[in-house]
Amino acid sequence: MARLVENPDLAFRLARAIVSDIALYNQDKVNEGIKNDSIFDLMTDELEEGREHFYSRVSPELPNREHLYERAIVDVMIKQAGKIESSIW
């Protein structure tokens, strides 16, 4: 069994990699979700699957573990989508 990540920097890097893969394989959904301000509704299943994978690889004792994944979503999917025309910005 693989050892769980206990370092917050490594855990955040893992979260960003997971979210990056989700965004890469679902580019049309991301674009549509940003344009229509429905990204979290459209990507619920994919983001939840990524969250479960992240939690399976990161120690539950890591402080703010849940916030690391949420922050990665904002950093990778939302901030980088700033070039997509949307009424939300």
PDB file of N, CA and C in Angstrom:
ATOM      1  N   MET A   1       0.839  -1.187   0.000  1.00  0.00           N
ATOM      2  CA  MET A   1       0.000   0.000   0.000  1.00  0.00           C
ATOM      3  C   MET A   1       0.882   1.248   0.000  1.00  0.00           C
ATOM      4  N   ALA A   2       0.523   2.215  -0.795  1.00  0.00           N
ATOM      5  CA  ALA A   2       1.296   3.452  -0.902  1.00  0.00           C
ATOM      6  C   ALA A   2       1.181   4.258   0.389  1.00  0.00           C
ATOM      7  N   ARG A   3       2.238   4.938   0.701  1.00  0.00           N
ATOM      8  CA  ARG A   3       2.261   5.786   1.895  1.00  0.00           C
ATOM      9  C   ARG A   3       1.443   7.046   1.640  1.00  0.00           C
ATOM     10  N   LEU A   4       0.697   7.496   2.633  1.00  0.00           N
ATOM     11  CA  LEU A   4      -0.138   8.691   2.503  1.00  0.00           C
ATOM     12  C   LEU A   4       0.715   9.956   2.577  1.00  0.00           C
ATOM     13  N   VAL A   5       0.352  10.944   1.802  1.00  0.00           N
ATOM     14  CA  VAL A   5       1.043  12.225   1.787  1.00  0.00           C
ATOM     15  C   VAL A   5       0.740  12.958   3.093  1.00  0.00           C
ATOM     16  N   GLU A   6       1.788  13.421   3.740  1.00  0.00           N
ATOM     17  CA  GLU A   6       1.628  14.145   5.002  1.00  0.00           C
ATOM     18  C   GLU A   6       2.140  15.577   4.916  1.00  0.00           C
ATOM     19  N   ASN A   7       2.816  15.913   3.843  1.00  0.00           N
ATOM     20  CA  ASN A   7       3.374  17.246   3.646  1.00  0.00           C
ATOM     21  C   ASN A   7       2.329  18.119   2.943  1.00  0.00           C
ATOM     22  N   PRO A   8       1.956  19.270   3.507  1.00  0.00           N
ATOM     23  CA  PRO A   8       0.918  20.101   2.888  1.00  0.00           C
ATOM     24  C   PRO A   8       1.283  20.607   1.496  1.00  0.00           C
ATOM     25  N   ASP A   9       2.558  20.902   1.256  1.00  0.00           N
ATOM     26  CA  ASP A   9       2.960  21.364  -0.077  1.00  0.00           C
ATOM     27  C   ASP A   9       2.797  20.259  -1.113  1.00  0.00           C
ATOM     28  N   LEU A  10       3.186  19.056  -0.751  1.00  0.00           N
ATOM     29  CA  LEU A  10       3.029  17.925  -1.667  1.00  0.00           C
ATOM     30  C   LEU A  10       1.554  17.589  -1.873  1.00  0.00           C
ATOM     31  N   ALA A  11       0.766  17.716  -0.813  1.00  0.00           N
ATOM     32  CA  ALA A  11      -0.673  17.448  -0.927  1.00  0.00           C
ATOM     33  C   ALA A  11      -1.332  18.465  -1.854  1.00  0.00           C
ATOM     34  N   PHE A  12      -0.937  19.717  -1.750  1.00  0.00           N
ATOM     35  CA  PHE A  12      -1.504  20.742  -2.629  1.00  0.00           C
ATOM     36  C   PHE A  12      -1.083  20.498  -4.077  1.00  0.00           C
ATOM     37  N   ARG A  13       0.159  20.092  -4.269  1.00  0.00           N
ATOM     38  CA  ARG A  13       0.633  19.771  -5.611  1.00  0.00           C
ATOM     39  C   ARG A  13      -0.169  18.602  -6.200  1.00  0.00           C
ATOM     40  N   LEU A  14      -0.452  17.605  -5.376  1.00  0.00           N
ATOM     41  CA  LEU A  14      -1.273  16.475  -5.814  1.00  0.00           C
ATOM     42  C   LEU A  14      -2.680  16.938  -6.179  1.00  0.00           C
ATOM     43  N   ALA A  15      -3.264  17.779  -5.343  1.00  0.00           N
ATOM     44  CA  ALA A  15      -4.616  18.298  -5.612  1.00  0.00           C
ATOM     45  C   ALA A  15      -4.638  19.052  -6.933  1.00  0.00           C
ATOM     46  N   ARG A  16      -3.650  19.889  -7.173  1.00  0.00           N
ATOM     47  CA  ARG A  16      -3.581  20.632  -8.433  1.00  0.00           C
ATOM     48  C   ARG A  16      -3.442  19.695  -9.631  1.00  0.00           C
ATOM     49  N   ALA A  17      -2.662  18.646  -9.485  1.00  0.00           N
ATOM     50  CA  ALA A  17      -2.487  17.680 -10.581  1.00  0.00           C
ATOM     51  C   ALA A  17      -3.800  16.963 -10.879  1.00  0.00           C
ATOM     52  N   ILE A  18      -4.518  16.578  -9.840  1.00  0.00           N
ATOM     53  CA  ILE A  18      -5.799  15.897 -10.024  1.00  0.00           C
ATOM     54  C   ILE A  18      -6.790  16.820 -10.726  1.00  0.00           C
ATOM     55  N   VAL A  19      -6.913  18.050 -10.241  1.00  0.00           N
ATOM     56  CA  VAL A  19      -7.859  18.997 -10.834  1.00  0.00           C
ATOM     57  C   VAL A  19      -7.435  19.360 -12.258  1.00  0.00           C
ATOM     58  N   SER A  20      -6.146  19.457 -12.478  1.00  0.00           N
ATOM     59  CA  SER A  20      -5.650  19.748 -13.822  1.00  0.00           C
ATOM     60  C   SER A  20      -6.050  18.644 -14.799  1.00  0.00           C
ATOM     61  N   ASP A  21      -5.924  17.401 -14.384  1.00  0.00           N
ATOM     62  CA  ASP A  21      -6.348  16.288 -15.231  1.00  0.00           C
ATOM     63  C   ASP A  21      -7.851  16.339 -15.509  1.00  0.00           C
ATOM     64  N   ILE A  22      -8.623  16.647 -14.486  1.00  0.00           N
ATOM     65  CA  ILE A  22     -10.081  16.752 -14.659  1.00  0.00           C
ATOM     66  C   ILE A  22     -10.395  17.832 -15.687  1.00  0.00           C
ATOM     67  N   ALA A  23      -9.750  18.986 -15.555  1.00  0.00           N
ATOM     68  CA  ALA A  23      -9.995  20.093 -16.484  1.00  0.00           C
ATOM     69  C   ALA A  23      -9.551  19.727 -17.898  1.00  0.00           C
ATOM     70  N   LEU A  24      -8.420  19.058 -18.011  1.00  0.00           N
ATOM     71  CA  LEU A  24      -7.889  18.681 -19.318  1.00  0.00           C
ATOM     72  C   LEU A  24      -8.834  17.737 -20.065  1.00  0.00           C
ATOM     73  N   TYR A  25      -9.364  16.756 -19.371  1.00  0.00           N
ATOM     74  CA  TYR A  25     -10.223  15.760 -20.012  1.00  0.00           C
ATOM     75  C   TYR A  25     -11.681  16.197 -20.137  1.00  0.00           C
ATOM     76  N   ASN A  26     -12.001  17.371 -19.601  1.00  0.00           N
ATOM     77  CA  ASN A  26     -13.373  17.877 -19.650  1.00  0.00           C
ATOM     78  C   ASN A  26     -13.411  19.334 -20.086  1.00  0.00           C
ATOM     79  N   GLN A  27     -12.601  19.688 -21.071  1.00  0.00           N
ATOM     80  CA  GLN A  27     -12.465  21.083 -21.486  1.00  0.00           C
ATOM     81  C   GLN A  27     -13.789  21.696 -21.925  1.00  0.00           C
ATOM     82  N   ASP A  28     -14.602  20.954 -22.652  1.00  0.00           N
ATOM     83  CA  ASP A  28     -15.885  21.491 -23.109  1.00  0.00           C
ATOM     84  C   ASP A  28     -16.808  21.806 -21.933  1.00  0.00           C
ATOM     85  N   LYS A  29     -16.832  20.915 -20.949  1.00  0.00           N
ATOM     86  CA  LYS A  29     -17.662  21.155 -19.765  1.00  0.00           C
ATOM     87  C   LYS A  29     -17.165  22.360 -18.969  1.00  0.00           C
ATOM     88  N   VAL A  30     -15.858  22.478 -18.868  1.00  0.00           N
ATOM     89  CA  VAL A  30     -15.286  23.615 -18.144  1.00  0.00           C
ATOM     90  C   VAL A  30     -15.666  24.909 -18.848  1.00  0.00           C
ATOM     91  N   ASN A  31     -15.479  24.960 -20.159  1.00  0.00           N
ATOM     92  CA  ASN A  31     -15.832  26.160 -20.920  1.00  0.00           C
ATOM     93  C   ASN A  31     -17.309  26.499 -20.763  1.00  0.00           C
ATOM     94  N   GLU A  32     -18.165  25.509 -20.916  1.00  0.00           N
ATOM     95  CA  GLU A  32     -19.602  25.738 -20.775  1.00  0.00           C
ATOM     96  C   GLU A  32     -19.953  26.178 -19.357  1.00  0.00           C
ATOM     97  N   GLY A  33     -19.346  25.544 -18.380  1.00  0.00           N
ATOM     98  CA  GLY A  33     -19.617  25.887 -16.985  1.00  0.00           C
ATOM     99  C   GLY A  33     -19.194  27.293 -16.620  1.00  0.00           C
ATOM    100  N   ILE A  34     -18.072  27.734 -17.163  1.00  0.00           N
ATOM    101  CA  ILE A  34     -17.623  29.108 -16.913  1.00  0.00           C
ATOM    102  C   ILE A  34     -18.540  30.088 -17.625  1.00  0.00           C
ATOM    103  N   LYS A  35     -18.829  29.819 -18.888  1.00  0.00           N
ATOM    104  CA  LYS A  35     -19.694  30.720 -19.658  1.00  0.00           C
ATOM    105  C   LYS A  35     -21.058  30.893 -19.003  1.00  0.00           C
ATOM    106  N   ASN A  36     -21.607  29.815 -18.473  1.00  0.00           N
ATOM    107  CA  ASN A  36     -22.968  29.842 -17.930  1.00  0.00           C
ATOM    108  C   ASN A  36     -23.015  29.906 -16.408  1.00  0.00           C
ATOM    109  N   ASP A  37     -21.873  30.116 -15.764  1.00  0.00           N
ATOM    110  CA  ASP A  37     -21.794  30.166 -14.310  1.00  0.00           C
ATOM    111  C   ASP A  37     -22.425  28.920 -13.678  1.00  0.00           C
ATOM    112  N   SER A  38     -22.091  27.755 -14.239  1.00  0.00           N
ATOM    113  CA  SER A  38     -22.637  26.499 -13.726  1.00  0.00           C
ATOM    114  C   SER A  38     -21.556  25.426 -13.594  1.00  0.00           C
ATOM    115  N   ILE A  39     -20.319  25.868 -13.426  1.00  0.00           N
ATOM    116  CA  ILE A  39     -19.178  24.949 -13.411  1.00  0.00           C
ATOM    117  C   ILE A  39     -19.328  23.862 -12.349  1.00  0.00           C
ATOM    118  N   PHE A  40     -19.787  24.228 -11.160  1.00  0.00           N
ATOM    119  CA  PHE A  40     -19.879  23.245 -10.085  1.00  0.00           C
ATOM    120  C   PHE A  40     -21.042  22.288 -10.289  1.00  0.00           C
ATOM    121  N   ASP A  41     -22.095  22.743 -10.939  1.00  0.00           N
ATOM    122  CA  ASP A  41     -23.204  21.843 -11.266  1.00  0.00           C
ATOM    123  C   ASP A  41     -22.797  20.864 -12.355  1.00  0.00           C
ATOM    124  N   LEU A  42     -22.149  21.368 -13.397  1.00  0.00           N
ATOM    125  CA  LEU A  42     -21.743  20.511 -14.518  1.00  0.00           C
ATOM    126  C   LEU A  42     -20.647  19.515 -14.142  1.00  0.00           C
ATOM    127  N   MET A  43     -19.787  19.912 -13.239  1.00  0.00           N
ATOM    128  CA  MET A  43     -18.612  19.099 -12.927  1.00  0.00           C
ATOM    129  C   MET A  43     -18.723  18.366 -11.584  1.00  0.00           C
ATOM    130  N   THR A  44     -19.909  18.270 -11.033  1.00  0.00           N
ATOM    131  CA  THR A  44     -20.086  17.647  -9.719  1.00  0.00           C
ATOM    132  C   THR A  44     -19.472  16.261  -9.642  1.00  0.00           C
ATOM    133  N   ASP A  45     -19.816  15.397 -10.579  1.00  0.00           N
ATOM    134  CA  ASP A  45     -19.331  14.012 -10.526  1.00  0.00           C
ATOM    135  C   ASP A  45     -17.818  13.934 -10.675  1.00  0.00           C
ATOM    136  N   GLU A  46     -17.284  14.674 -11.616  1.00  0.00           N
ATOM    137  CA  GLU A  46     -15.842  14.642 -11.864  1.00  0.00           C
ATOM    138  C   GLU A  46     -15.058  15.192 -10.674  1.00  0.00           C
ATOM    139  N   LEU A  47     -15.544  16.310 -10.114  1.00  0.00           N
ATOM    140  CA  LEU A  47     -14.850  16.905  -8.976  1.00  0.00           C
ATOM    141  C   LEU A  47     -14.943  16.020  -7.742  1.00  0.00           C
ATOM    142  N   GLU A  48     -16.061  15.356  -7.561  1.00  0.00           N
ATOM    143  CA  GLU A  48     -16.211  14.452  -6.417  1.00  0.00           C
ATOM    144  C   GLU A  48     -15.299  13.234  -6.568  1.00  0.00           C
ATOM    145  N   GLU A  49     -15.199  12.709  -7.769  1.00  0.00           N
ATOM    146  CA  GLU A  49     -14.291  11.580  -8.012  1.00  0.00           C
ATOM    147  C   GLU A  49     -12.847  11.999  -7.730  1.00  0.00           C
ATOM    148  N   GLY A  50     -12.487  13.203  -8.167  1.00  0.00           N
ATOM    149  CA  GLY A  50     -11.146  13.725  -7.885  1.00  0.00           C
ATOM    150  C   GLY A  50     -10.914  13.919  -6.402  1.00  0.00           C
ATOM    151  N   ARG A  51     -11.926  14.407  -5.702  1.00  0.00           N
ATOM    152  CA  ARG A  51     -11.825  14.618  -4.250  1.00  0.00           C
ATOM    153  C   ARG A  51     -11.592  13.283  -3.545  1.00  0.00           C
ATOM    154  N   GLU A  52     -12.328  12.267  -3.943  1.00  0.00           N
ATOM    155  CA  GLU A  52     -12.165  10.944  -3.332  1.00  0.00           C
ATOM    156  C   GLU A  52     -10.756  10.402  -3.585  1.00  0.00           C
ATOM    157  N   HIS A  53     -10.254  10.606  -4.786  1.00  0.00           N
ATOM    158  CA  HIS A  53      -8.887  10.160  -5.096  1.00  0.00           C
ATOM    159  C   HIS A  53      -7.881  10.917  -4.233  1.00  0.00           C
ATOM    160  N   PHE A  54      -8.059  12.225  -4.133  1.00  0.00           N
ATOM    161  CA  PHE A  54      -7.177  13.051  -3.307  1.00  0.00           C
ATOM    162  C   PHE A  54      -7.194  12.562  -1.858  1.00  0.00           C
ATOM    163  N   TYR A  55      -8.381  12.355  -1.301  1.00  0.00           N
ATOM    164  CA  TYR A  55      -8.492  11.905   0.090  1.00  0.00           C
ATOM    165  C   TYR A  55      -7.879  10.519   0.288  1.00  0.00           C
ATOM    166  N   SER A  56      -7.911   9.682  -0.731  1.00  0.00           N
ATOM    167  CA  SER A  56      -7.340   8.345  -0.607  1.00  0.00           C
ATOM    168  C   SER A  56      -5.814   8.384  -0.579  1.00  0.00           C
ATOM    169  N   ARG A  57      -5.226   9.467  -1.026  1.00  0.00           N
ATOM    170  CA  ARG A  57      -3.771   9.577  -1.120  1.00  0.00           C
ATOM    171  C   ARG A  57      -3.156  10.482  -0.049  1.00  0.00           C
ATOM    172  N   VAL A  58      -4.014  11.250   0.660  1.00  0.00           N
ATOM    173  CA  VAL A  58      -3.515  12.229   1.636  1.00  0.00           C
ATOM    174  C   VAL A  58      -3.964  11.835   3.047  1.00  0.00           C
ATOM    175  N   SER A  59      -3.062  11.979   3.980  1.00  0.00           N
ATOM    176  CA  SER A  59      -3.341  11.628   5.368  1.00  0.00           C
ATOM    177  C   SER A  59      -4.532  12.424   5.911  1.00  0.00           C
ATOM    178  N   PRO A  60      -5.475  11.738   6.561  1.00  0.00           N
ATOM    179  CA  PRO A  60      -6.614  12.452   7.156  1.00  0.00           C
ATOM    180  C   PRO A  60      -6.198  13.389   8.298  1.00  0.00           C
ATOM    181  N   GLU A  61      -5.008  13.176   8.855  1.00  0.00           N
ATOM    182  CA  GLU A  61      -4.515  14.036   9.934  1.00  0.00           C
ATOM    183  C   GLU A  61      -3.915  15.343   9.434  1.00  0.00           C
ATOM    184  N   LEU A  62      -3.761  15.485   8.121  1.00  0.00           N
ATOM    185  CA  LEU A  62      -3.177  16.708   7.571  1.00  0.00           C
ATOM    186  C   LEU A  62      -4.130  17.880   7.810  1.00  0.00           C
ATOM    187  N   PRO A  63      -3.672  18.925   8.498  1.00  0.00           N
ATOM    188  CA  PRO A  63      -4.551  20.074   8.752  1.00  0.00           C
ATOM    189  C   PRO A  63      -5.032  20.710   7.442  1.00  0.00           C
ATOM    190  N   ASN A  64      -6.281  21.096   7.424  1.00  0.00           N
ATOM    191  CA  ASN A  64      -6.893  21.777   6.271  1.00  0.00           C
ATOM    192  C   ASN A  64      -6.856  20.948   4.989  1.00  0.00           C
ATOM    193  N   ARG A  65      -6.872  19.658   5.119  1.00  0.00           N
ATOM    194  CA  ARG A  65      -6.817  18.768   3.956  1.00  0.00           C
ATOM    195  C   ARG A  65      -7.928  19.096   2.961  1.00  0.00           C
ATOM    196  N   GLU A  66      -9.144  19.296   3.454  1.00  0.00           N
ATOM    197  CA  GLU A  66     -10.281  19.562   2.559  1.00  0.00           C
ATOM    198  C   GLU A  66     -10.130  20.893   1.831  1.00  0.00           C
ATOM    199  N   HIS A  67      -9.491  21.859   2.467  1.00  0.00           N
ATOM    200  CA  HIS A  67      -9.306  23.172   1.845  1.00  0.00           C
ATOM    201  C   HIS A  67      -8.274  23.137   0.714  1.00  0.00           C
ATOM    202  N   LEU A  68      -7.325  22.229   0.807  1.00  0.00           N
ATOM    203  CA  LEU A  68      -6.309  22.129  -0.237  1.00  0.00           C
ATOM    204  C   LEU A  68      -6.931  21.751  -1.576  1.00  0.00           C
ATOM    205  N   TYR A  69      -7.858  20.806  -1.555  1.00  0.00           N
ATOM    206  CA  TYR A  69      -8.499  20.387  -2.803  1.00  0.00           C
ATOM    207  C   TYR A  69      -9.377  21.510  -3.345  1.00  0.00           C
ATOM    208  N   GLU A  70     -10.135  22.165  -2.473  1.00  0.00           N
ATOM    209  CA  GLU A  70     -11.002  23.267  -2.907  1.00  0.00           C
ATOM    210  C   GLU A  70     -10.168  24.410  -3.495  1.00  0.00           C
ATOM    211  N   ARG A  71      -9.046  24.717  -2.865  1.00  0.00           N
ATOM    212  CA  ARG A  71      -8.163  25.768  -3.368  1.00  0.00           C
ATOM    213  C   ARG A  71      -7.586  25.407  -4.737  1.00  0.00           C
ATOM    214  N   ALA A  72      -7.294  24.136  -4.928  1.00  0.00           N
ATOM    215  CA  ALA A  72      -6.781  23.684  -6.223  1.00  0.00           C
ATOM    216  C   ALA A  72      -7.831  23.866  -7.313  1.00  0.00           C
ATOM    217  N   ILE A  73      -9.090  23.634  -6.995  1.00  0.00           N
ATOM    218  CA  ILE A  73     -10.166  23.842  -7.973  1.00  0.00           C
ATOM    219  C   ILE A  73     -10.178  25.296  -8.420  1.00  0.00           C
ATOM    220  N   VAL A  74     -10.099  26.199  -7.473  1.00  0.00           N
ATOM    221  CA  VAL A  74     -10.108  27.628  -7.808  1.00  0.00           C
ATOM    222  C   VAL A  74      -8.866  27.993  -8.607  1.00  0.00           C
ATOM    223  N   ASP A  75      -7.703  27.557  -8.155  1.00  0.00           N
ATOM    224  CA  ASP A  75      -6.452  27.903  -8.844  1.00  0.00           C
ATOM    225  C   ASP A  75      -6.386  27.341 -10.257  1.00  0.00           C
ATOM    226  N   VAL A  76      -6.803  26.118 -10.436  1.00  0.00           N
ATOM    227  CA  VAL A  76      -6.617  25.449 -11.718  1.00  0.00           C
ATOM    228  C   VAL A  76      -7.793  25.679 -12.664  1.00  0.00           C
ATOM    229  N   MET A  77      -9.009  25.508 -12.184  1.00  0.00           N
ATOM    230  CA  MET A  77     -10.161  25.596 -13.082  1.00  0.00           C
ATOM    231  C   MET A  77     -10.724  27.000 -13.221  1.00  0.00           C
ATOM    232  N   ILE A  78     -10.804  27.724 -12.150  1.00  0.00           N
ATOM    233  CA  ILE A  78     -11.481  29.022 -12.175  1.00  0.00           C
ATOM    234  C   ILE A  78     -10.533  30.133 -12.624  1.00  0.00           C
ATOM    235  N   LYS A  79      -9.411  30.291 -11.960  1.00  0.00           N
ATOM    236  CA  LYS A  79      -8.481  31.367 -12.313  1.00  0.00           C
ATOM    237  C   LYS A  79      -7.969  31.241 -13.733  1.00  0.00           C
ATOM    238  N   GLN A  80      -7.665  30.030 -14.148  1.00  0.00           N
ATOM    239  CA  GLN A  80      -7.127  29.836 -15.494  1.00  0.00           C
ATOM    240  C   GLN A  80      -8.190  29.978 -16.573  1.00  0.00           C
ATOM    241  N   ALA A  81      -9.445  29.995 -16.182  1.00  0.00           N
ATOM    242  CA  ALA A  81     -10.530  30.152 -17.153  1.00  0.00           C
ATOM    243  C   ALA A  81     -10.879  31.623 -17.360  1.00  0.00           C
ATOM    244  N   GLY A  82     -10.088  32.527 -16.838  1.00  0.00           N
ATOM    245  CA  GLY A  82     -10.349  33.950 -16.959  1.00  0.00           C
ATOM    246  C   GLY A  82     -10.424  34.457 -18.386  1.00  0.00           C
ATOM    247  N   LYS A  83      -9.859  33.722 -19.298  1.00  0.00           N
ATOM    248  CA  LYS A  83      -9.894  34.132 -20.708  1.00  0.00           C
ATOM    249  C   LYS A  83     -11.213  33.753 -21.385  1.00  0.00           C
ATOM    250  N   ILE A  84     -12.021  32.939 -20.726  1.00  0.00           N
ATOM    251  CA  ILE A  84     -13.307  32.524 -21.280  1.00  0.00           C
ATOM    252  C   ILE A  84     -14.332  33.620 -21.003  1.00  0.00           C
ATOM    253  N   GLU A  85     -15.027  34.047 -22.025  1.00  0.00           N
ATOM    254  CA  GLU A  85     -16.033  35.091 -21.854  1.00  0.00           C
ATOM    255  C   GLU A  85     -17.159  34.578 -20.971  1.00  0.00           C
ATOM    256  N   SER A  86     -17.490  35.364 -19.940  1.00  0.00           N
ATOM    257  CA  SER A  86     -18.508  34.958 -18.987  1.00  0.00           C
ATOM    258  C   SER A  86     -19.117  36.167 -18.301  1.00  0.00           C
ATOM    259  N   SER A  87     -20.350  36.024 -17.897  1.00  0.00           N
ATOM    260  CA  SER A  87     -21.015  37.113 -17.179  1.00  0.00           C
ATOM    261  C   SER A  87     -20.519  37.211 -15.735  1.00  0.00           C
ATOM    262  N   ILE A  88     -19.780  36.200 -15.261  1.00  0.00           N
ATOM    263  CA  ILE A  88     -19.312  36.240 -13.877  1.00  0.00           C
ATOM    264  C   ILE A  88     -18.065  37.103 -13.701  1.00  0.00           C
ATOM    265  N   TRP A  89     -17.478  37.587 -14.805  1.00  0.00           N
ATOM    266  CA  TRP A  89     -16.391  38.566 -14.710  1.00  0.00           C
ATOM    267  C   TRP A  89     -16.409  39.503 -15.839  1.00  0.00           C
TER     268      TRP A  89
END
